[in-house]
Amino acid sequence: MEEKKLGMVAQFKKDVRRRMLTGLLLILPVYVTYFVVKFLFGFVGGTLSPVIKKVLQFYGVALPRSSLDEFIITFLGLILTFISLYFIGIFAANFVGKAIINYFENLLTKTPIIKNIYSSVKQIIHSVSLPGKQAFKRVVLVDFPKEGTKSIGFVTGA
């Protein structure tokens, strides 16, 4: 009877752990997406807001002090960001742009600490953005950094 209770408790713990992990894997992309979008809006609003306000003042456009004012400025900042990304893409596609990018990339990959972060992010972006190919075969849980501690991994390969 005692062994059966221990078996039930162990099974219960296993079920709870599995369901919590499933919940985490389900909610984590939403959570990360929320914070990335929040960060981008904050970054665009905080960084570009003074510039956009000065440009609007220069052209005599007066916006009332309200939450609509901040929304319009953030929206204009996002539009400016998209336009900037477009022109950066054009720049990166020509010979001079490629040479400058290669120079800075070499600089980043030779800088301690930064090279690890930059290389990892670049590798993830490259594997996710492969056109016409599946970036990952499946998601797995692996014992990392030590046995008994699980980490999410992605099985890749050609």
N, C-alpha and C. Protein backbone atom coordinates (compact mmCIF):
# COMPACT_ATOMS: atom_id res chain seq x y z
N MET A 1 0.82 -1.19 0.00
CA MET A 1 0.00 0.00 0.00
C MET A 1 0.87 1.26 0.00
N GLU A 2 1.93 1.23 0.84
CA GLU A 2 2.83 2.37 0.94
C GLU A 2 3.55 2.61 -0.39
N GLU A 3 3.98 1.52 -1.07
CA GLU A 3 4.66 1.64 -2.36
C GLU A 3 3.72 2.23 -3.41
N LYS A 4 2.45 1.84 -3.35
CA LYS A 4 1.48 2.35 -4.31
C LYS A 4 1.30 3.85 -4.12
N LYS A 5 1.29 4.32 -2.85
CA LYS A 5 1.17 5.76 -2.58
C LYS A 5 2.38 6.50 -3.12
N LEU A 6 3.58 5.93 -2.90
CA LEU A 6 4.80 6.56 -3.41
C LEU A 6 4.77 6.62 -4.93
N GLY A 7 4.29 5.55 -5.57
CA GLY A 7 4.17 5.53 -7.02
C GLY A 7 3.19 6.58 -7.52
N MET A 8 2.09 6.75 -6.80
CA MET A 8 1.10 7.75 -7.18
C MET A 8 1.66 9.16 -6.99
N VAL A 9 2.40 9.37 -5.90
CA VAL A 9 3.01 10.67 -5.65
C VAL A 9 4.04 10.99 -6.72
N ALA A 10 4.87 10.01 -7.05
CA ALA A 10 5.88 10.21 -8.09
C ALA A 10 5.21 10.51 -9.43
N GLN A 11 4.15 9.77 -9.75
CA GLN A 11 3.43 10.00 -11.00
C GLN A 11 2.79 11.40 -11.00
N PHE A 12 2.24 11.78 -9.83
CA PHE A 12 1.63 13.11 -9.72
C PHE A 12 2.68 14.20 -9.95
N LYS A 13 3.86 14.05 -9.32
CA LYS A 13 4.94 15.03 -9.51
C LYS A 13 5.37 15.09 -10.97
N LYS A 14 5.46 13.93 -11.60
CA LYS A 14 5.85 13.87 -13.01
C LYS A 14 4.82 14.57 -13.89
N ASP A 15 3.52 14.32 -13.60
CA ASP A 15 2.46 14.97 -14.37
C ASP A 15 2.48 16.48 -14.17
N VAL A 16 2.66 16.91 -12.92
CA VAL A 16 2.70 18.34 -12.64
C VAL A 16 3.87 18.98 -13.38
N ARG A 17 5.04 18.36 -13.30
CA ARG A 17 6.23 18.89 -13.97
C ARG A 17 6.00 18.96 -15.49
N ARG A 18 5.44 17.90 -16.07
CA ARG A 18 5.21 17.85 -17.51
C ARG A 18 4.20 18.92 -17.94
N ARG A 19 3.13 19.07 -17.16
CA ARG A 19 2.12 20.07 -17.53
C ARG A 19 2.64 21.50 -17.36
N MET A 20 3.44 21.70 -16.32
CA MET A 20 4.03 23.03 -16.15
C MET A 20 5.01 23.35 -17.28
N LEU A 21 5.78 22.37 -17.69
CA LEU A 21 6.70 22.57 -18.80
C LEU A 21 5.94 22.84 -20.09
N THR A 22 4.85 22.10 -20.31
CA THR A 22 4.01 22.34 -21.48
C THR A 22 3.45 23.76 -21.45
N GLY A 23 2.96 24.18 -20.29
CA GLY A 23 2.45 25.54 -20.14
C GLY A 23 3.52 26.58 -20.39
N LEU A 24 4.71 26.33 -19.87
CA LEU A 24 5.82 27.25 -20.08
C LEU A 24 6.17 27.36 -21.55
N LEU A 25 6.27 26.21 -22.22
CA LEU A 25 6.61 26.22 -23.65
C LEU A 25 5.52 26.89 -24.48
N LEU A 26 4.29 26.83 -24.00
CA LEU A 26 3.19 27.47 -24.71
C LEU A 26 3.19 28.97 -24.50
N ILE A 27 3.42 29.41 -23.27
CA ILE A 27 3.31 30.83 -22.95
C ILE A 27 4.60 31.60 -23.22
N LEU A 28 5.74 30.92 -23.23
CA LEU A 28 7.03 31.59 -23.40
C LEU A 28 7.12 32.40 -24.69
N PRO A 29 6.72 31.86 -25.85
CA PRO A 29 6.79 32.69 -27.06
C PRO A 29 5.91 33.94 -26.97
N VAL A 30 4.75 33.81 -26.35
CA VAL A 30 3.86 34.97 -26.19
C VAL A 30 4.53 36.00 -25.27
N TYR A 31 5.09 35.53 -24.18
CA TYR A 31 5.76 36.38 -23.20
C TYR A 31 6.94 37.11 -23.83
N VAL A 32 7.78 36.38 -24.54
CA VAL A 32 8.94 36.98 -25.19
C VAL A 32 8.50 37.98 -26.25
N THR A 33 7.49 37.61 -27.05
CA THR A 33 6.97 38.52 -28.07
C THR A 33 6.47 39.81 -27.45
N TYR A 34 5.72 39.69 -26.36
CA TYR A 34 5.20 40.88 -25.67
C TYR A 34 6.34 41.81 -25.25
N PHE A 35 7.37 41.24 -24.63
CA PHE A 35 8.46 42.09 -24.14
C PHE A 35 9.32 42.64 -25.27
N VAL A 36 9.46 41.90 -26.36
CA VAL A 36 10.20 42.43 -27.50
C VAL A 36 9.44 43.61 -28.11
N VAL A 37 8.13 43.45 -28.29
CA VAL A 37 7.32 44.54 -28.85
C VAL A 37 7.32 45.73 -27.89
N LYS A 38 7.18 45.46 -26.60
CA LYS A 38 7.20 46.54 -25.61
C LYS A 38 8.55 47.26 -25.65
N PHE A 39 9.64 46.49 -25.74
CA PHE A 39 10.97 47.09 -25.82
C PHE A 39 11.11 47.94 -27.08
N LEU A 40 10.65 47.41 -28.22
CA LEU A 40 10.78 48.16 -29.47
C LEU A 40 9.99 49.46 -29.43
N PHE A 41 8.75 49.40 -28.91
CA PHE A 41 7.96 50.62 -28.80
C PHE A 41 8.64 51.61 -27.85
N GLY A 42 9.14 51.11 -26.73
CA GLY A 42 9.83 51.99 -25.79
C GLY A 42 11.10 52.57 -26.38
N PHE A 43 11.85 51.74 -27.09
CA PHE A 43 13.09 52.19 -27.71
C PHE A 43 12.80 53.23 -28.78
N VAL A 44 11.85 52.92 -29.64
CA VAL A 44 11.51 53.87 -30.72
C VAL A 44 10.95 55.15 -30.13
N GLY A 45 10.02 55.01 -29.17
CA GLY A 45 9.43 56.19 -28.55
C GLY A 45 10.46 57.01 -27.78
N GLY A 46 11.32 56.33 -27.04
CA GLY A 46 12.31 57.03 -26.22
C GLY A 46 13.46 57.61 -27.02
N THR A 47 13.91 56.89 -28.03
CA THR A 47 15.07 57.32 -28.80
C THR A 47 14.70 58.33 -29.88
N LEU A 48 13.64 58.02 -30.61
CA LEU A 48 13.29 58.88 -31.74
C LEU A 48 12.31 59.99 -31.39
N SER A 49 11.65 59.89 -30.25
CA SER A 49 10.65 60.88 -29.87
C SER A 49 11.20 62.30 -29.86
N PRO A 50 12.35 62.56 -29.23
CA PRO A 50 12.87 63.94 -29.26
C PRO A 50 13.19 64.43 -30.68
N VAL A 51 13.71 63.54 -31.50
CA VAL A 51 14.05 63.92 -32.88
C VAL A 51 12.78 64.27 -33.65
N ILE A 52 11.78 63.41 -33.53
CA ILE A 52 10.53 63.65 -34.26
C ILE A 52 9.85 64.93 -33.76
N LYS A 53 9.88 65.17 -32.45
CA LYS A 53 9.28 66.39 -31.91
C LYS A 53 9.99 67.62 -32.47
N LYS A 54 11.32 67.58 -32.55
CA LYS A 54 12.07 68.72 -33.10
C LYS A 54 11.73 68.95 -34.57
N VAL A 55 11.62 67.87 -35.33
CA VAL A 55 11.28 67.99 -36.76
C VAL A 55 9.88 68.58 -36.91
N LEU A 56 8.93 68.07 -36.11
CA LEU A 56 7.57 68.60 -36.18
C LEU A 56 7.53 70.07 -35.77
N GLN A 57 8.29 70.45 -34.75
CA GLN A 57 8.34 71.85 -34.33
C GLN A 57 8.98 72.72 -35.43
N PHE A 58 10.01 72.20 -36.08
CA PHE A 58 10.68 72.93 -37.15
C PHE A 58 9.70 73.27 -38.27
N TYR A 59 8.82 72.32 -38.59
CA TYR A 59 7.84 72.54 -39.65
C TYR A 59 6.56 73.18 -39.14
N GLY A 60 6.53 73.57 -37.89
CA GLY A 60 5.39 74.29 -37.34
C GLY A 60 4.19 73.43 -37.01
N VAL A 61 4.37 72.14 -36.89
CA VAL A 61 3.27 71.25 -36.54
C VAL A 61 3.20 71.18 -35.02
N ALA A 62 2.09 71.64 -34.48
CA ALA A 62 1.91 71.63 -33.03
C ALA A 62 0.93 70.53 -32.65
N LEU A 63 1.41 69.60 -31.87
CA LEU A 63 0.54 68.53 -31.39
C LEU A 63 0.13 68.83 -29.96
N PRO A 64 -1.14 68.59 -29.63
CA PRO A 64 -1.58 68.84 -28.24
C PRO A 64 -0.89 67.86 -27.29
N ARG A 65 -0.65 68.29 -26.06
CA ARG A 65 -0.03 67.42 -25.06
C ARG A 65 -1.08 66.41 -24.59
N SER A 66 -0.99 65.23 -25.09
CA SER A 66 -1.92 64.18 -24.69
C SER A 66 -1.29 62.83 -24.98
N SER A 67 -2.02 61.79 -24.65
CA SER A 67 -1.52 60.45 -24.96
C SER A 67 -1.54 60.23 -26.47
N LEU A 68 -2.42 60.94 -27.17
CA LEU A 68 -2.45 60.85 -28.63
C LEU A 68 -1.15 61.39 -29.21
N ASP A 69 -0.62 62.45 -28.58
CA ASP A 69 0.66 63.02 -28.99
C ASP A 69 1.75 61.96 -28.95
N GLU A 70 1.85 61.24 -27.85
CA GLU A 70 2.88 60.20 -27.72
C GLU A 70 2.63 59.06 -28.70
N PHE A 71 1.36 58.71 -28.92
CA PHE A 71 1.04 57.64 -29.87
C PHE A 71 1.47 58.03 -31.28
N ILE A 72 1.16 59.25 -31.68
CA ILE A 72 1.53 59.71 -33.03
C ILE A 72 3.04 59.72 -33.19
N ILE A 73 3.75 60.20 -32.17
CA ILE A 73 5.20 60.25 -32.25
C ILE A 73 5.79 58.84 -32.31
N THR A 74 5.25 57.92 -31.51
CA THR A 74 5.72 56.53 -31.55
C THR A 74 5.42 55.91 -32.90
N PHE A 75 4.23 56.18 -33.45
CA PHE A 75 3.86 55.67 -34.77
C PHE A 75 4.80 56.21 -35.84
N LEU A 76 5.08 57.50 -35.80
CA LEU A 76 6.02 58.09 -36.76
C LEU A 76 7.41 57.48 -36.58
N GLY A 77 7.78 57.20 -35.34
CA GLY A 77 9.07 56.55 -35.08
C GLY A 77 9.14 55.17 -35.69
N LEU A 78 8.04 54.42 -35.59
CA LEU A 78 8.01 53.09 -36.20
C LEU A 78 8.11 53.18 -37.72
N ILE A 79 7.39 54.12 -38.31
CA ILE A 79 7.47 54.31 -39.76
C ILE A 79 8.90 54.68 -40.15
N LEU A 80 9.51 55.58 -39.40
CA LEU A 80 10.89 55.97 -39.66
C LEU A 80 11.84 54.78 -39.52
N THR A 81 11.57 53.92 -38.54
CA THR A 81 12.39 52.71 -38.35
C THR A 81 12.27 51.79 -39.55
N PHE A 82 11.04 51.56 -40.03
CA PHE A 82 10.84 50.70 -41.20
C PHE A 82 11.54 51.27 -42.43
N ILE A 83 11.42 52.57 -42.62
CA ILE A 83 12.08 53.21 -43.76
C ILE A 83 13.60 53.08 -43.63
N SER A 84 14.11 53.28 -42.42
CA SER A 84 15.55 53.15 -42.19
C SER A 84 16.03 51.73 -42.47
N LEU A 85 15.26 50.73 -42.01
CA LEU A 85 15.63 49.34 -42.27
C LEU A 85 15.65 49.05 -43.77
N TYR A 86 14.70 49.62 -44.50
CA TYR A 86 14.66 49.44 -45.95
C TYR A 86 15.94 49.99 -46.59
N PHE A 87 16.33 51.20 -46.20
CA PHE A 87 17.52 51.80 -46.79
C PHE A 87 18.80 51.09 -46.33
N ILE A 88 18.81 50.58 -45.12
CA ILE A 88 19.95 49.78 -44.67
C ILE A 88 20.06 48.52 -45.52
N GLY A 89 18.91 47.92 -45.85
CA GLY A 89 18.90 46.75 -46.73
C GLY A 89 19.44 47.07 -48.11
N ILE A 90 19.07 48.22 -48.65
CA ILE A 90 19.61 48.65 -49.95
C ILE A 90 21.12 48.84 -49.85
N PHE A 91 21.56 49.51 -48.79
CA PHE A 91 22.99 49.76 -48.58
C PHE A 91 23.76 48.45 -48.47
N ALA A 92 23.20 47.49 -47.75
CA ALA A 92 23.88 46.20 -47.53
C ALA A 92 23.96 45.37 -48.80
N ALA A 93 23.13 45.68 -49.78
CA ALA A 93 23.11 44.88 -51.01
C ALA A 93 24.16 45.33 -52.03
N ASN A 94 24.75 46.51 -51.85
CA ASN A 94 25.74 46.94 -52.84
C ASN A 94 27.17 46.64 -52.37
N PHE A 95 28.11 46.80 -53.26
CA PHE A 95 29.51 46.41 -53.02
C PHE A 95 30.12 47.16 -51.83
N VAL A 96 29.95 48.47 -51.79
CA VAL A 96 30.53 49.27 -50.71
C VAL A 96 29.90 48.89 -49.37
N GLY A 97 28.60 48.71 -49.37
CA GLY A 97 27.90 48.32 -48.14
C GLY A 97 28.38 46.98 -47.61
N LYS A 98 28.56 46.03 -48.52
CA LYS A 98 29.05 44.70 -48.10
C LYS A 98 30.45 44.80 -47.50
N ALA A 99 31.30 45.62 -48.10
CA ALA A 99 32.67 45.77 -47.58
C ALA A 99 32.66 46.38 -46.18
N ILE A 100 31.83 47.40 -45.98
CA ILE A 100 31.75 48.04 -44.66
C ILE A 100 31.17 47.07 -43.63
N ILE A 101 30.15 46.33 -44.01
CA ILE A 101 29.55 45.35 -43.10
C ILE A 101 30.57 44.28 -42.73
N ASN A 102 31.32 43.78 -43.71
CA ASN A 102 32.36 42.78 -43.42
C ASN A 102 33.42 43.32 -42.47
N TYR A 103 33.80 44.58 -42.64
CA TYR A 103 34.79 45.19 -41.76
C TYR A 103 34.29 45.20 -40.31
N PHE A 104 33.06 45.70 -40.11
CA PHE A 104 32.52 45.77 -38.75
C PHE A 104 32.23 44.38 -38.18
N GLU A 105 31.83 43.46 -39.04
CA GLU A 105 31.59 42.09 -38.59
C GLU A 105 32.90 41.46 -38.10
N ASN A 106 33.98 41.67 -38.83
CA ASN A 106 35.29 41.17 -38.39
C ASN A 106 35.71 41.80 -37.07
N LEU A 107 35.42 43.09 -36.92
CA LEU A 107 35.73 43.79 -35.68
C LEU A 107 34.95 43.18 -34.51
N LEU A 108 33.67 42.93 -34.72
CA LEU A 108 32.83 42.35 -33.66
C LEU A 108 33.27 40.93 -33.30
N THR A 109 33.65 40.15 -34.30
CA THR A 109 34.02 38.75 -34.03
C THR A 109 35.41 38.62 -33.43
N LYS A 110 36.13 39.72 -33.33
CA LYS A 110 37.44 39.68 -32.68
C LYS A 110 37.42 40.33 -31.30
N THR A 111 36.28 40.85 -30.89
CA THR A 111 36.16 41.50 -29.59
C THR A 111 35.69 40.49 -28.55
N PRO A 112 36.45 40.32 -27.47
CA PRO A 112 36.04 39.35 -26.44
C PRO A 112 34.63 39.66 -25.91
N ILE A 113 33.93 38.66 -25.52
CA ILE A 113 32.56 38.68 -25.00
C ILE A 113 31.57 39.01 -26.11
N ILE A 114 31.79 40.11 -26.81
CA ILE A 114 30.88 40.51 -27.88
C ILE A 114 30.84 39.46 -28.97
N LYS A 115 32.00 38.85 -29.27
CA LYS A 115 32.03 37.85 -30.34
C LYS A 115 31.11 36.67 -30.03
N ASN A 116 31.03 36.26 -28.77
CA ASN A 116 30.16 35.14 -28.40
C ASN A 116 28.69 35.50 -28.60
N ILE A 117 28.32 36.68 -28.14
CA ILE A 117 26.92 37.12 -28.27
C ILE A 117 26.57 37.31 -29.74
N TYR A 118 27.41 38.05 -30.45
CA TYR A 118 27.14 38.36 -31.86
C TYR A 118 27.06 37.09 -32.70
N SER A 119 28.02 36.19 -32.52
CA SER A 119 28.04 34.95 -33.30
C SER A 119 26.82 34.09 -33.02
N SER A 120 26.41 34.00 -31.76
CA SER A 120 25.24 33.20 -31.40
C SER A 120 23.97 33.77 -32.03
N VAL A 121 23.79 35.08 -31.88
CA VAL A 121 22.59 35.72 -32.44
C VAL A 121 22.58 35.59 -33.96
N LYS A 122 23.73 35.80 -34.59
CA LYS A 122 23.80 35.69 -36.05
C LYS A 122 23.48 34.26 -36.51
N GLN A 123 23.99 33.27 -35.79
CA GLN A 123 23.74 31.88 -36.14
C GLN A 123 22.26 31.53 -35.99
N ILE A 124 21.63 32.00 -34.93
CA ILE A 124 20.20 31.74 -34.73
C ILE A 124 19.39 32.40 -35.84
N ILE A 125 19.69 33.66 -36.13
CA ILE A 125 18.96 34.37 -37.19
C ILE A 125 19.16 33.69 -38.53
N HIS A 126 20.38 33.27 -38.81
CA HIS A 126 20.67 32.60 -40.07
C HIS A 126 19.88 31.30 -40.19
N SER A 127 19.84 30.51 -39.12
CA SER A 127 19.15 29.22 -39.20
C SER A 127 17.64 29.39 -39.28
N VAL A 128 17.11 30.43 -38.66
CA VAL A 128 15.66 30.66 -38.70
C VAL A 128 15.24 31.25 -40.04
N SER A 129 16.11 32.00 -40.68
CA SER A 129 15.72 32.70 -41.91
C SER A 129 16.13 31.98 -43.18
N LEU A 130 16.45 30.70 -43.10
CA LEU A 130 16.80 29.95 -44.31
C LEU A 130 15.58 29.85 -45.22
N PRO A 131 15.65 30.40 -46.43
CA PRO A 131 14.49 30.35 -47.32
C PRO A 131 14.27 28.94 -47.85
N GLY A 132 13.03 28.48 -47.77
CA GLY A 132 12.66 27.19 -48.34
C GLY A 132 13.16 25.99 -47.58
N LYS A 133 13.80 26.18 -46.45
CA LYS A 133 14.29 25.05 -45.67
C LYS A 133 13.70 25.11 -44.27
N GLN A 134 13.58 23.95 -43.67
CA GLN A 134 13.13 23.89 -42.30
C GLN A 134 14.34 24.12 -41.40
N ALA A 135 14.25 25.14 -40.55
CA ALA A 135 15.40 25.50 -39.72
C ALA A 135 15.68 24.43 -38.67
N PHE A 136 14.64 23.93 -38.05
CA PHE A 136 14.81 22.95 -36.99
C PHE A 136 13.97 21.72 -37.29
N LYS A 137 14.51 20.55 -37.00
CA LYS A 137 13.76 19.31 -37.22
C LYS A 137 12.76 19.09 -36.10
N ARG A 138 13.22 19.30 -34.85
CA ARG A 138 12.31 19.14 -33.71
C ARG A 138 12.91 19.82 -32.49
N VAL A 139 12.06 20.01 -31.48
CA VAL A 139 12.47 20.58 -30.21
C VAL A 139 12.70 19.44 -29.24
N VAL A 140 13.77 19.53 -28.45
CA VAL A 140 14.09 18.48 -27.49
C VAL A 140 14.46 19.09 -26.14
N LEU A 141 14.36 18.28 -25.10
CA LEU A 141 14.86 18.65 -23.79
C LEU A 141 16.15 17.88 -23.55
N VAL A 142 17.19 18.58 -23.16
CA VAL A 142 18.47 17.93 -22.92
C VAL A 142 18.95 18.25 -21.52
N ASP A 143 19.77 17.37 -20.96
CA ASP A 143 20.39 17.63 -19.67
C ASP A 143 21.53 18.62 -19.89
N PHE A 144 21.30 19.87 -19.52
CA PHE A 144 22.32 20.90 -19.67
C PHE A 144 22.03 22.01 -18.70
N PRO A 145 22.92 22.58 -18.02
CA PRO A 145 24.36 22.42 -18.04
C PRO A 145 24.85 21.23 -17.21
N LYS A 146 23.96 20.61 -16.44
CA LYS A 146 24.36 19.42 -15.70
C LYS A 146 23.21 18.43 -15.74
N GLU A 147 23.49 17.21 -15.41
CA GLU A 147 22.47 16.17 -15.44
C GLU A 147 21.38 16.51 -14.41
N GLY A 148 20.14 16.35 -14.84
CA GLY A 148 19.01 16.67 -13.97
C GLY A 148 18.46 18.07 -14.20
N THR A 149 19.22 18.91 -14.87
CA THR A 149 18.76 20.25 -15.23
C THR A 149 18.44 20.25 -16.71
N LYS A 150 17.20 20.50 -17.04
CA LYS A 150 16.76 20.42 -18.43
C LYS A 150 16.85 21.78 -19.11
N SER A 151 17.26 21.75 -20.36
CA SER A 151 17.28 22.94 -21.21
C SER A 151 16.65 22.58 -22.54
N ILE A 152 16.05 23.58 -23.17
CA ILE A 152 15.42 23.38 -24.47
C ILE A 152 16.50 23.40 -25.54
N GLY A 153 16.43 22.46 -26.48
CA GLY A 153 17.36 22.41 -27.59
C GLY A 153 16.62 22.21 -28.89
N PHE A 154 17.28 22.50 -29.98
CA PHE A 154 16.69 22.35 -31.31
C PHE A 154 17.57 21.42 -32.12
N VAL A 155 16.97 20.41 -32.70
CA VAL A 155 17.71 19.48 -33.56
C VAL A 155 17.74 20.10 -34.95
N THR A 156 18.95 20.32 -35.45
CA THR A 156 19.13 20.92 -36.77
C THR A 156 19.90 19.96 -37.64
N GLY A 157 20.14 20.34 -38.86
CA GLY A 157 20.96 19.52 -39.75
C GLY A 157 20.39 19.50 -41.14
N ALA A 158 21.22 19.07 -42.06
CA ALA A 158 20.81 19.03 -43.46
C ALA A 158 20.07 17.77 -43.78
